[in-house]
Protein backbone atom coordinates (compact mmCIF):
# COMPACT_ATOMS: atom_id res chain seq x y z
CA MET A 1 39.05 -10.17 135.80
CA VAL A 2 41.67 -7.41 136.13
CA LEU A 3 40.44 -3.97 135.21
CA ALA A 4 42.69 -1.53 133.31
CA ASP A 5 43.91 1.47 135.13
CA PRO A 6 41.67 4.46 133.94
CA SER A 7 44.70 6.73 134.00
CA ARG A 8 46.36 4.54 131.42
CA ILE A 9 43.50 4.87 128.89
CA LEU A 10 43.69 7.33 126.05
CA GLU A 11 40.48 8.33 124.22
CA THR A 12 40.99 8.59 120.48
CA GLU A 13 38.59 8.88 117.46
CA ALA A 14 38.95 5.17 116.89
CA GLY A 15 38.15 4.45 120.54
CA PRO A 16 40.00 3.93 123.87
CA VAL A 17 43.61 2.92 123.65
CA LEU A 18 45.51 1.36 126.60
CA LEU A 19 48.78 3.27 127.13
CA PRO A 20 51.93 1.37 127.92
CA PRO A 21 53.16 1.65 131.55
CA SER A 22 55.00 4.81 132.56
CA ASP A 23 58.05 2.86 133.95
CA LEU A 24 59.02 1.38 130.66
CA LEU A 25 62.57 0.15 130.69
CA SER A 26 65.11 1.25 128.13
CA ASP A 27 65.37 -1.24 125.34
CA GLU A 28 68.74 -0.27 123.76
CA PRO A 29 71.41 -2.60 122.40
CA PRO A 30 74.91 -2.42 123.94
CA LEU A 31 77.34 0.16 122.58
CA GLU A 32 79.63 -0.83 119.83
CA SER A 33 82.89 -0.83 121.72
CA TYR A 34 84.67 0.27 124.91
CA LEU A 35 85.60 3.49 123.09
CA HIS A 36 81.99 4.21 122.53
CA LEU A 37 81.12 3.47 126.13
CA GLN A 38 83.90 5.67 127.43
CA GLN A 39 82.86 8.47 125.06
CA MET A 40 79.25 8.39 126.20
CA LEU A 41 80.16 8.39 129.86
CA LEU A 42 82.58 11.27 129.27
CA LEU A 43 79.89 13.41 127.76
CA LEU A 44 77.44 12.65 130.59
CA ASN A 45 80.06 13.13 133.42
CA CYS A 46 81.39 16.36 132.00
CA LEU A 47 77.95 17.93 131.45
CA ASP A 48 76.76 16.91 134.90
CA TRP A 49 79.85 18.27 136.51
CA LEU A 50 79.65 21.53 134.65
CA TRP A 51 75.93 21.91 135.44
CA ARG A 52 76.15 20.45 138.96
CA GLU A 53 74.25 23.47 140.41
CA ARG A 54 71.42 23.07 137.95
CA ASN A 55 68.25 21.08 138.33
CA ASP A 56 66.46 22.05 135.08
CA TYR A 57 67.78 19.51 132.63
CA PHE A 58 67.95 15.76 131.99
CA ALA A 59 70.95 14.20 130.16
CA ALA A 60 71.26 10.54 129.40
CA GLY A 61 73.09 7.98 127.20
CA ASN A 62 71.84 4.88 125.41
CA LEU A 63 68.36 5.41 126.87
CA THR A 64 65.16 4.69 124.96
CA ILE A 65 62.87 7.65 123.91
CA TYR A 66 59.33 6.54 123.50
CA TYR A 67 57.35 8.96 121.34
CA SER A 68 54.21 7.06 120.37
CA ALA A 69 51.37 6.69 122.80
CA GLN A 70 50.25 3.47 121.05
CA GLN A 71 53.67 1.89 121.02
CA GLN A 72 52.63 -0.29 118.15
CA LYS A 73 55.72 -0.02 115.80
CA SER A 74 59.47 -0.36 116.32
CA ALA A 75 59.84 3.12 114.70
CA ASP A 76 57.94 4.56 117.64
CA PHE A 77 61.02 4.48 119.85
CA ARG A 78 64.71 5.48 119.48
CA GLY A 79 67.69 5.44 121.74
CA PRO A 80 70.29 8.20 120.95
CA ASP A 81 73.73 7.54 122.35
CA PHE A 82 73.63 10.85 124.18
CA PHE A 83 70.87 13.43 124.58
CA VAL A 84 69.96 16.47 126.60
CA VAL A 85 66.46 17.80 127.43
CA LEU A 86 66.31 21.34 128.74
CA ASP A 87 63.64 23.00 131.01
CA THR A 88 62.77 19.68 132.77
CA LYS A 89 63.32 18.09 136.14
CA LYS A 90 66.67 16.53 136.77
CA GLN A 91 65.70 13.12 138.18
CA PRO A 92 66.53 9.48 137.45
CA ARG A 93 64.38 7.84 134.65
CA LYS A 94 64.31 4.35 133.24
CA SER A 95 63.48 5.81 129.87
CA TRP A 96 62.15 9.08 128.31
CA ILE A 97 58.48 8.87 127.61
CA VAL A 98 57.55 11.91 125.57
CA TRP A 99 53.81 12.00 126.30
CA GLU A 100 54.57 11.88 130.05
CA GLU A 101 57.19 14.71 129.87
CA ASP A 102 54.85 17.49 128.59
CA GLY A 103 55.54 16.45 125.00
CA LYS A 104 59.26 17.39 125.30
CA TYR A 105 61.80 15.97 122.92
CA PRO A 106 65.60 16.33 123.25
CA ASN A 107 67.14 19.74 122.63
CA LEU A 108 70.37 18.12 121.55
CA ILE A 109 71.35 14.64 120.38
CA VAL A 110 74.79 13.09 119.76
CA GLU A 111 75.17 9.76 118.00
CA LEU A 112 78.41 7.85 118.15
CA LEU A 113 79.15 6.41 114.67
CA SER A 114 80.21 2.81 114.30
CA HIS A 115 80.58 0.43 111.33
CA SER A 116 77.15 -0.99 111.99
CA THR A 117 75.31 2.22 112.84
CA ALA A 118 76.83 4.98 110.69
CA LYS A 119 74.42 4.57 107.77
CA THR A 120 71.40 4.76 110.04
CA ASP A 121 72.83 7.57 112.06
CA ARG A 122 73.43 9.61 108.90
CA GLY A 123 70.14 8.71 107.29
CA LEU A 124 67.08 7.39 109.09
CA LYS A 125 67.91 8.77 112.53
CA GLN A 126 68.79 12.19 111.17
CA LYS A 127 65.49 12.27 109.45
CA ILE A 128 63.54 11.16 112.48
CA TYR A 129 65.29 13.76 114.70
CA GLN A 130 64.63 16.39 112.10
CA ASP A 131 61.07 15.69 111.05
CA ILE A 132 59.50 14.04 114.14
CA PHE A 133 61.67 14.98 117.19
CA ARG A 134 62.27 18.50 115.81
CA THR A 135 65.49 18.40 117.82
CA PRO A 136 67.22 21.72 117.44
CA GLU A 137 70.78 20.33 117.29
CA TYR A 138 72.14 17.03 116.14
CA PHE A 139 75.80 15.85 116.13
CA TRP A 140 77.55 12.77 115.24
CA PHE A 141 81.09 11.63 116.12
CA SER A 142 83.08 8.53 115.45
CA PRO A 143 85.43 7.44 118.27
CA ASP A 144 87.30 5.35 115.66
CA THR A 145 87.81 7.73 112.61
CA LEU A 146 87.11 11.01 114.59
CA GLU A 147 84.51 11.97 111.99
CA PHE A 148 82.63 14.92 113.50
CA GLN A 149 79.75 16.89 112.24
CA GLY A 150 76.86 18.94 113.63
CA PHE A 151 73.54 20.34 112.41
CA VAL A 152 71.10 22.97 113.50
CA LEU A 153 67.42 22.91 112.72
CA GLU A 154 66.62 25.94 110.50
CA ARG A 155 63.20 26.37 108.97
CA GLY A 156 62.49 22.69 109.60
CA THR A 157 65.65 21.32 107.88
CA TYR A 158 69.00 20.52 109.41
CA GLN A 159 71.78 22.74 108.18
CA PRO A 160 75.54 22.10 108.89
CA ILE A 161 76.87 24.07 111.83
CA VAL A 162 79.78 26.37 110.82
CA ASP A 163 83.05 24.87 111.76
CA GLU A 164 85.19 27.31 113.81
CA GLN A 165 88.67 25.79 113.55
CA GLY A 166 87.46 22.35 114.63
CA TYR A 167 84.84 23.64 117.11
CA LEU A 168 81.05 23.45 116.58
CA TRP A 169 78.81 25.73 118.57
CA SER A 170 75.79 24.53 120.45
CA ALA A 171 73.44 27.29 121.04
CA GLN A 172 71.26 24.87 123.13
CA LEU A 173 74.15 24.17 125.62
CA GLN A 174 75.95 27.50 125.15
CA LEU A 175 79.08 25.45 124.66
CA PHE A 176 81.38 24.42 121.82
CA LEU A 177 81.83 20.76 120.99
CA GLY A 178 85.22 19.68 119.59
CA VAL A 179 87.66 16.81 119.49
CA TYR A 180 90.43 16.76 122.11
CA GLU A 181 92.85 13.84 122.50
CA ARG A 182 90.62 11.78 120.20
CA GLN A 183 87.46 12.29 122.29
CA LEU A 184 84.49 14.57 121.89
CA ARG A 185 84.50 17.21 124.54
CA PHE A 186 82.74 20.37 125.66
CA PHE A 187 84.42 23.78 125.54
CA SER A 188 83.47 27.18 126.85
CA ALA A 189 82.55 30.12 124.58
CA GLU A 190 86.23 31.06 124.90
CA LYS A 191 87.10 27.53 123.70
CA GLN A 192 88.50 26.45 127.02
CA LEU A 193 88.18 22.74 127.70
CA MET A 194 85.49 21.88 130.26
CA PRO A 195 86.98 19.39 132.62
CA SER A 196 85.63 16.12 133.70
CA PRO A 197 85.11 15.47 137.48
CA GLN A 198 88.38 13.63 137.58
CA GLU A 199 90.28 16.34 135.72
CA ALA A 200 88.60 18.97 138.02
CA ALA A 201 89.81 16.93 141.12
CA ILE A 202 93.32 16.63 139.72
CA ALA A 203 93.45 20.39 139.03
CA SER A 204 92.08 21.15 142.46
CA ASN A 205 94.71 18.90 144.06
CA LYS A 206 97.43 20.58 142.13
CA GLN A 207 96.23 23.98 143.00
CA ALA A 208 96.11 22.98 146.71
CA GLU A 209 99.72 21.65 146.47
CA VAL A 210 100.85 24.94 144.85
CA GLU A 211 99.19 26.86 147.60
CA ARG A 212 100.70 24.60 150.24
CA GLN A 213 104.17 25.05 148.79
CA GLN A 214 103.70 28.79 148.56
CA ALA A 215 102.54 28.96 152.17
CA GLU A 216 105.67 26.92 153.19
CA VAL A 217 107.95 29.33 151.27
CA GLU A 218 106.33 32.26 153.09
CA ARG A 219 106.69 30.55 156.34
CA GLN A 220 110.41 29.83 155.76
CA GLN A 221 110.92 33.50 154.71
CA ALA A 222 109.21 34.72 157.83
CA LYS A 223 111.35 32.43 159.94
CA ALA A 224 114.55 33.61 158.24
CA GLU A 225 113.50 37.24 158.80
CA ARG A 226 112.94 36.62 162.51
CA ARG A 227 116.39 35.08 162.76
CA ARG A 228 117.94 38.11 161.04
CA ASN A 229 116.10 40.36 163.42
CA GLU A 230 117.28 38.37 166.43
CA LYS A 231 120.88 38.52 165.25
CA LEU A 232 120.61 42.30 164.77
CA VAL A 233 119.17 42.78 168.24
CA ALA A 234 121.97 40.66 169.78
CA LYS A 235 124.61 42.64 167.83
CA LEU A 236 123.14 46.02 169.05
CA ARG A 237 123.26 44.85 172.63
CA GLU A 238 126.82 43.79 172.16
CA LEU A 239 127.56 47.39 171.22
CA GLY A 240 125.81 48.63 174.24
CA ILE A 241 122.72 49.85 172.40
CA ASP A 242 119.26 49.08 173.68
CA PRO A 243 117.08 48.19 170.57
CA ALA A 244 114.01 49.47 172.36
CA GLU A 245 115.49 52.96 172.34
CA LEU A 246 115.67 52.92 168.52
CA ASP A 247 111.88 52.80 168.14
């Protein structure tokens, strides 16, 4: 007979309950389309690049969040397309298990609307994130229609985030979210686009090329100046003047 691991047993009023294993795998269906996949990866890559010096958050996409210790009902887990948890360790996880993460739920969730999920994203999921997760901010975005909306939890109820000329402020991330070239992107408080790693690399290469060209111009100018000085010295000597005596 195989004995249950005592650390996996939860004592309840109804008696002991065996908890599911802590390395539960994510059980999420594939994303709707290539656009949805690219959008999810873009959000992840941009935030990880922006916060590359930080180790106090966890961001993931299409990863299961388990929030019931008993794991008896399908409603006991959800898989947001993108979410961020603050004040936690930045480390790989197969899934997010709330009861093993100090009871933490996401600080921010983004769902990517599709024809098959839009009704659930606007209805059931919004209610779960509001009433159970108590997630402070919830956004949805459609890569197809570009529908974009955000909500902030106020007194227990989601209220629309004020639209600032197409930008929605996230107090949790201290960033704006907005649509740029048909993709949901992060923007600074000054509404400057936060680059992806690839964009940052391109910009860095361009800057390096500009600096290289500027250095080459300065080198050529210095070379030309030396030639002018050499010609002047030669001319003075032709006239019988010692350039050293002019100092």
